[in-house]
C-alpha cells in the first residue's frame, strides 16, 4: 500500500488532499483527529490572527492532539500565512516604516511613537507614547514596552519627529535609545530601530550604526 511519504517522494505533495497534508505532518494521529484539526483551523484563522493564546487553547481541546502536534499545526498555519503574503506587510528596512510614522513630520510638537511587531516583522499596532518635549523622564521604557507586552510583540520600532527639521539625533535621543535598547534585552522584546522623521526625510539609528 502506497504511504503518504511514498506519494510525496514519487508524485509530490501537490497530489495530497488538505487532510492528507495535515496527516503527513501530524504523523500517526487518527483520521478523525486530523479531519477535526483541519476543520478547526479552516474556520478559526480569524482567531489565530486576533488571539493566538485562545486559538491554541481551543486547538489543544481536540481529542488526540497533544501539545507537540498542536505546536506543529500552529507552525504550519504561521508559515502558510507568511508565504502567502497574508496579513500586514513585513518591515524589512527603515523606509518600510515611513507610511506608519511620516504623519509625525507634520506635528508642531515632538511626538514619540512605538510600533509593535510580530516575529515576521509585521506591525501589530502602533501608538503615540508622549506628546510634547521628548526627554528621558517622559520616554520611560515602562511606557514604551507596556503595550508591546500586552500585544505579545516580539520586536518594536520607536519613532519621533523633530519639528525644527533637524534630522540628526540629539544627545538626549541617543540616551533614550540606549536606555530602551538595554531594557529590550532584559524584557526580551527586541528594539529594531529608532527613526527620526521631519518634513525633509528621516534618520534611522540602525542604518547609521547607532543601534
Protein backbone atom coordinates (compact mmCIF):
# COMPACT_ATOMS: atom_id res chain seq x y z
CA UNK A 1 0.00 0.00 0.00
CA UNK A 2 1.37 3.40 -1.01
CA UNK A 3 2.03 5.60 2.03
CA UNK A 4 1.76 9.39 2.22
CA UNK A 5 5.54 9.52 2.33
CA UNK A 6 5.75 7.47 -0.88
CA UNK A 7 3.31 9.77 -2.63
CA UNK A 8 5.24 12.87 -1.60
CA UNK A 9 8.55 11.32 -2.67
CA UNK A 10 7.37 10.00 -6.02
CA UNK A 11 4.49 12.29 -7.03
CA UNK A 12 4.95 15.43 -4.95
CA UNK A 13 2.87 16.95 -2.11
CA UNK A 14 0.54 18.67 -4.59
CA UNK A 15 -1.12 15.28 -5.12
CA UNK A 16 -2.25 15.15 -1.48
CA UNK A 17 -5.59 16.46 -0.27
CA UNK A 18 -5.65 19.03 2.52
CA UNK A 19 -6.44 16.49 5.21
CA UNK A 20 -3.62 14.25 3.92
CA UNK A 21 -1.14 17.12 4.16
CA UNK A 22 -2.12 17.59 7.79
CA UNK A 23 -1.81 13.85 8.41
CA UNK A 24 1.68 13.85 6.88
CA UNK A 25 2.74 16.45 9.44
CA UNK A 26 0.85 15.11 12.46
CA UNK A 27 2.13 11.58 11.96
CA UNK A 28 0.19 8.65 13.33
CA UNK A 29 -2.85 10.63 14.53
CA UNK A 30 -6.16 9.03 13.60
CA UNK A 31 -8.13 10.32 10.66
CA UNK A 32 -10.83 11.69 12.95
CA UNK A 33 -8.32 13.87 14.82
CA UNK A 34 -6.74 15.06 11.58
CA UNK A 35 -10.07 15.94 9.99
CA UNK A 36 -11.21 17.78 13.11
CA UNK A 37 -7.92 19.69 13.27
CA UNK A 38 -8.19 20.77 9.63
CA UNK A 39 -11.80 21.81 10.12
CA UNK A 40 -10.90 23.79 13.24
CA UNK A 41 -8.04 25.65 11.53
CA UNK A 42 -10.16 26.41 8.46
CA UNK A 43 -12.87 28.21 10.45
CA UNK A 44 -10.67 29.79 13.11
CA UNK A 45 -7.96 31.61 11.17
CA UNK A 46 -9.57 34.86 12.33
CA UNK A 47 -8.99 33.78 15.94
CA UNK A 48 -5.39 32.84 15.17
CA UNK A 49 -4.75 36.39 13.95
CA UNK A 50 -6.69 38.07 16.76
CA UNK A 51 -5.80 35.98 19.82
CA UNK A 52 -3.27 33.18 19.37
CA UNK A 53 -3.47 32.12 23.02
CA UNK A 54 -7.21 31.47 22.70
CA UNK A 55 -6.68 29.72 19.35
CA UNK A 56 -4.06 27.42 20.86
CA UNK A 57 -6.15 26.59 23.92
CA UNK A 58 -9.03 25.51 21.69
CA UNK A 59 -6.65 23.61 19.43
CA UNK A 60 -5.43 21.60 22.42
CA UNK A 61 -9.04 20.72 23.13
CA UNK A 62 -9.16 18.48 20.06
CA UNK A 63 -9.12 14.85 21.18
CA UNK A 64 -5.94 13.07 20.22
CA UNK A 65 -3.92 16.24 19.64
CA UNK A 66 -1.09 16.65 22.14
CA UNK A 67 0.95 19.79 22.77
CA UNK A 68 3.77 18.83 20.41
CA UNK A 69 1.44 18.24 17.48
CA UNK A 70 -0.57 21.36 18.32
CA UNK A 71 2.67 23.37 18.09
CA UNK A 72 3.36 21.76 14.71
CA UNK A 73 -0.10 22.79 13.50
CA UNK A 74 0.45 26.36 14.70
CA UNK A 75 3.79 26.47 12.89
CA UNK A 76 2.15 25.24 9.67
CA UNK A 77 -0.53 27.94 9.91
CA UNK A 78 2.02 30.70 10.53
CA UNK A 79 4.29 29.53 7.71
CA UNK A 80 1.32 29.40 5.33
CA UNK A 81 0.32 32.95 6.21
CA UNK A 82 3.88 34.24 5.78
CA UNK A 83 4.48 32.52 2.45
CA UNK A 84 1.12 33.58 1.06
CA UNK A 85 1.78 37.19 1.97
CA UNK A 86 -1.26 37.23 4.23
CA UNK A 87 -1.64 39.87 6.92
CA UNK A 88 0.21 43.14 7.17
CA UNK A 89 3.31 43.70 5.00
CA UNK A 90 6.63 42.79 6.60
CA UNK A 91 9.02 45.55 7.68
CA UNK A 92 12.44 44.89 6.16
CA UNK A 93 14.12 48.29 6.36
CA UNK A 94 13.56 51.76 7.76
CA UNK A 95 11.81 53.08 4.65
CA UNK A 96 9.12 50.41 5.09
CA UNK A 97 8.12 52.06 8.37
CA UNK A 98 7.66 55.54 6.89
CA UNK A 99 3.99 55.12 5.87
CA UNK A 100 3.21 54.40 9.52
CA UNK A 101 5.18 57.28 11.05
CA UNK A 102 5.53 60.01 8.44
CA UNK A 103 2.41 61.81 9.72
CA UNK A 104 4.56 62.76 12.71
CA UNK A 105 6.53 65.08 10.45
CA UNK A 106 3.51 67.40 10.26
CA UNK A 107 3.13 67.72 14.03
CA UNK A 108 4.11 71.06 15.62
CA UNK A 109 5.24 69.28 18.81
CA UNK A 110 7.57 66.36 19.32
CA UNK A 111 5.66 63.07 19.44
CA UNK A 112 7.17 59.74 20.40
CA UNK A 113 5.59 56.63 18.86
CA UNK A 114 6.06 52.88 19.37
CA UNK A 115 5.26 50.25 16.72
CA UNK A 116 4.79 46.67 17.95
CA UNK A 117 5.74 43.81 15.61
CA UNK A 118 5.44 40.03 15.45
CA UNK A 119 8.14 37.51 14.57
CA UNK A 120 7.52 38.03 10.85
CA UNK A 121 8.23 41.77 11.16
CA UNK A 122 4.56 42.67 10.67
CA UNK A 123 3.16 45.61 12.59
CA UNK A 124 0.61 44.56 15.17
CA UNK A 125 -0.20 48.05 16.45
CA UNK A 126 1.26 51.49 16.91
CA UNK A 127 0.56 54.27 19.39
CA UNK A 128 1.90 57.63 20.49
CA UNK A 129 3.65 57.41 23.86
CA UNK A 130 4.25 61.10 24.55
CA UNK A 131 3.36 64.46 23.04
CA UNK A 132 5.48 67.49 23.79
CA UNK A 133 9.11 67.69 24.81
CA UNK A 134 10.80 64.33 24.37
CA UNK A 135 13.16 63.73 27.27
CA UNK A 136 14.38 60.88 29.40
CA UNK A 137 11.74 61.45 32.09
CA UNK A 138 8.80 61.29 29.66
CA UNK A 139 10.03 58.47 27.42
CA UNK A 140 10.36 55.75 30.04
CA UNK A 141 10.96 52.12 29.00
CA UNK A 142 7.98 51.09 31.11
CA UNK A 143 5.62 53.16 28.96
CA UNK A 144 7.23 52.04 25.72
CA UNK A 145 7.16 48.30 26.42
CA UNK A 146 3.84 48.17 28.29
CA UNK A 147 1.68 47.80 25.17
CA UNK A 148 4.24 45.58 23.47
CA UNK A 149 3.95 43.05 26.29
CA UNK A 150 0.14 43.13 26.08
CA UNK A 151 0.29 42.61 22.30
CA UNK A 152 2.73 39.71 22.73
CA UNK A 153 5.06 41.60 20.39
CA UNK A 154 8.45 40.13 19.56
CA UNK A 155 10.02 43.35 18.33
CA UNK A 156 9.39 47.09 18.42
CA UNK A 157 10.41 50.16 16.44
CA UNK A 158 10.22 53.59 18.01
CA UNK A 159 9.97 56.87 16.15
CA UNK A 160 9.65 60.56 16.87
CA UNK A 161 9.67 63.83 14.97
CA UNK A 162 11.87 66.92 15.03
CA UNK A 163 9.56 69.88 14.30
CA UNK A 164 12.59 72.14 13.82
CA UNK A 165 13.61 69.99 10.85
CA UNK A 166 16.95 68.76 12.21
CA UNK A 167 17.43 65.19 11.02
CA UNK A 168 20.33 64.16 13.23
CA UNK A 169 19.75 62.77 16.74
CA UNK A 170 20.27 64.95 19.79
CA UNK A 171 22.34 63.72 22.76
CA UNK A 172 19.02 63.10 24.53
CA UNK A 173 17.80 60.97 21.60
CA UNK A 174 20.95 58.87 21.89
CA UNK A 175 20.49 58.42 25.65
CA UNK A 176 16.86 57.42 25.25
CA UNK A 177 17.78 54.87 22.57
CA UNK A 178 20.49 53.40 24.77
CA UNK A 179 18.06 53.06 27.70
CA UNK A 180 15.43 51.40 25.52
CA UNK A 181 17.99 49.05 24.00
CA UNK A 182 19.17 47.95 27.44
CA UNK A 183 15.56 47.46 28.60
CA UNK A 184 14.75 45.45 25.46
CA UNK A 185 17.45 42.91 26.27
CA UNK A 186 16.06 42.44 29.78
CA UNK A 187 12.42 42.21 28.69
CA UNK A 188 13.15 40.03 25.67
CA UNK A 189 11.46 42.27 23.08
CA UNK A 190 13.98 43.46 20.51
CA UNK A 191 14.38 47.15 19.70
CA UNK A 192 14.79 47.03 15.92
CA UNK A 193 15.22 50.73 15.16
CA UNK A 194 14.67 54.30 16.30
CA UNK A 195 13.58 56.58 13.49
CA UNK A 196 13.51 60.38 13.46
CA UNK A 197 11.24 62.00 10.88
CA UNK A 198 11.00 65.55 9.55
CA UNK A 199 9.35 67.13 6.53
CA UNK A 200 12.64 66.67 4.69
CA UNK A 201 13.21 62.98 5.35
CA UNK A 202 14.16 60.50 8.04
CA UNK A 203 17.09 59.32 10.15
CA UNK A 204 17.47 55.66 11.14
CA UNK A 205 19.63 54.75 14.14
CA UNK A 206 20.14 51.26 12.73
CA UNK A 207 21.15 52.44 9.26
CA UNK A 208 23.72 54.75 10.85
CA UNK A 209 25.17 52.03 13.06
CA UNK A 210 23.88 53.55 16.29
CA UNK A 211 21.73 50.55 17.23
